[in-house]
Amino acid sequence: MFAELLKESWVLPPPGSEIASIAVEAFRANGVDYPRTAVVTDSPHARMSLLATGHFVTILPASALKFPAMRSGIKALPVHLPRARVPNGIVTLKARALSPVARLFIDCAREVARTPAKRI
């Protein structure tokens, strides 16, 4: 199924961007090259809007489909992609106290990051 999608009109992020590198990894993991792109945009909103026309396909994080207002008329295809391995970080402002909620979130995020990932 994955190879069949290469014939479609794709709207994808620009080559060299962080999101595009994740997409390239996903395509390669499925044994295909990055598809010929009809539209290149960094904007997730633009990709969703073009996707909603029914004339394009794209690759999005699962979280982009969680909000009903953003996905009216959009259907996720059952394509297996490897999980992206993207570094994450926490940034705080110098000389600014963290709220208890922010501190709790940071502590929880660090704990999750230390826990080995389970295969789903």
Protein backbone atom coordinates (compact mmCIF):
# COMPACT_ATOMS: atom_id res chain seq x y z
CA MET A 1 0.00 0.00 0.00
CA PHE A 2 2.79 2.43 0.86
CA ALA A 3 4.36 2.24 -2.61
CA GLU A 4 0.94 2.89 -4.21
CA LEU A 5 0.72 6.23 -2.40
CA LEU A 6 3.83 7.47 -4.22
CA LYS A 7 1.70 8.01 -7.33
CA GLU A 8 -0.47 10.57 -5.51
CA SER A 9 0.04 14.35 -5.31
CA TRP A 10 1.99 14.99 -2.12
CA VAL A 11 2.14 18.12 0.00
CA LEU A 12 5.20 17.86 2.22
CA PRO A 13 7.54 19.97 4.32
CA PRO A 14 10.66 21.39 2.62
CA PRO A 15 13.66 19.06 2.27
CA GLY A 16 16.19 19.63 5.01
CA SER A 17 13.61 20.60 7.64
CA GLU A 18 13.30 18.55 10.84
CA ILE A 19 9.86 17.28 9.85
CA ALA A 20 11.08 16.33 6.37
CA SER A 21 13.95 14.31 7.86
CA ILE A 22 11.40 12.32 9.88
CA ALA A 23 9.34 11.76 6.71
CA VAL A 24 12.42 10.68 4.73
CA GLU A 25 13.23 8.14 7.46
CA ALA A 26 9.66 6.82 7.32
CA PHE A 27 9.71 6.41 3.54
CA ARG A 28 13.10 4.69 3.59
CA ALA A 29 11.93 2.34 6.35
CA ASN A 30 9.17 1.27 3.95
CA GLY A 31 11.67 0.71 1.12
CA VAL A 32 10.75 3.73 -1.00
CA ASP A 33 12.32 7.09 -1.83
CA TYR A 34 10.87 10.43 -0.78
CA PRO A 35 7.96 11.04 -3.16
CA ARG A 36 7.85 13.70 -5.83
CA THR A 37 6.21 16.63 -4.09
CA ALA A 38 3.46 18.72 -5.72
CA VAL A 39 3.42 21.37 -2.96
CA VAL A 40 6.15 22.20 -0.45
CA THR A 41 5.21 24.05 2.73
CA ASP A 42 6.36 24.23 6.34
CA SER A 43 2.85 25.14 7.46
CA PRO A 44 0.88 22.25 9.02
CA HIS A 45 -2.27 24.35 8.55
CA ALA A 46 -1.62 24.67 4.81
CA ARG A 47 -0.94 20.93 4.55
CA MET A 48 -4.20 20.16 6.38
CA SER A 49 -6.14 22.58 4.17
CA LEU A 50 -4.78 21.06 0.97
CA LEU A 51 -5.36 17.59 2.35
CA ALA A 52 -9.01 18.46 3.01
CA THR A 53 -9.53 19.20 -0.71
CA GLY A 54 -9.16 15.48 -1.42
CA HIS A 55 -6.50 16.10 -4.08
CA PHE A 56 -3.41 15.58 -1.93
CA VAL A 57 -1.85 13.25 0.59
CA THR A 58 0.61 14.20 3.31
CA ILE A 59 2.31 12.84 6.36
CA LEU A 60 1.32 14.26 9.74
CA PRO A 61 1.82 13.36 13.38
CA ALA A 62 -1.10 11.43 14.87
CA SER A 63 -1.76 14.37 17.19
CA ALA A 64 -2.80 16.48 14.18
CA LEU A 65 -5.86 14.28 13.75
CA LYS A 66 -7.00 14.42 17.37
CA PHE A 67 -9.01 17.63 17.03
CA PRO A 68 -12.31 17.26 15.13
CA ALA A 69 -12.31 20.84 13.83
CA MET A 70 -8.96 20.24 12.13
CA ARG A 71 -9.90 16.97 10.46
CA SER A 72 -13.34 17.39 8.97
CA GLY A 73 -13.42 15.20 5.89
CA ILE A 74 -9.90 13.88 6.43
CA LYS A 75 -9.26 10.17 6.79
CA ALA A 76 -6.09 8.65 8.18
CA LEU A 77 -4.80 5.76 6.10
CA PRO A 78 -3.64 2.65 7.95
CA VAL A 79 0.03 2.93 6.97
CA HIS A 80 2.67 1.71 9.39
CA LEU A 81 5.48 4.19 9.92
CA PRO A 82 8.37 3.88 12.33
CA ARG A 83 8.24 6.07 15.39
CA ALA A 84 10.26 9.24 14.96
CA ARG A 85 13.28 9.67 17.14
CA VAL A 86 13.54 13.41 17.59
CA PRO A 87 15.52 15.03 20.37
CA ASN A 88 13.48 17.11 22.79
CA GLY A 89 14.48 19.64 25.37
CA ILE A 90 13.19 21.92 28.07
CA VAL A 91 13.94 25.62 27.94
CA THR A 92 13.45 27.97 30.86
CA LEU A 93 13.92 31.71 31.11
CA LYS A 94 16.91 33.00 33.01
CA ALA A 95 16.14 34.69 36.34
CA ARG A 96 12.51 33.60 36.23
CA ALA A 97 10.98 31.32 38.86
CA LEU A 98 9.09 28.25 37.69
CA SER A 99 5.55 27.72 38.89
CA PRO A 100 4.85 24.53 40.85
CA VAL A 101 2.89 23.18 37.87
CA ALA A 102 5.80 23.85 35.49
CA ARG A 103 8.21 22.18 37.92
CA LEU A 104 5.90 19.15 38.19
CA PHE A 105 5.66 18.91 34.40
CA ILE A 106 9.44 19.10 33.99
CA ASP A 107 10.01 16.44 36.65
CA CYS A 108 7.43 14.17 35.01
CA ALA A 109 8.92 14.71 31.53
CA ARG A 110 12.38 13.83 32.82
CA GLU A 111 11.03 10.67 34.46
CA VAL A 112 9.31 9.60 31.25
CA ALA A 113 12.50 10.27 29.29
CA ARG A 114 14.48 8.02 31.64
CA THR A 115 11.98 5.16 31.32
CA PRO A 116 12.80 2.72 28.52
CA ALA A 117 10.18 2.81 25.73
CA LYS A 118 7.84 -0.15 25.47
CA ARG A 119 7.03 -1.59 22.06
CA ILE A 120 3.37 -1.15 21.15
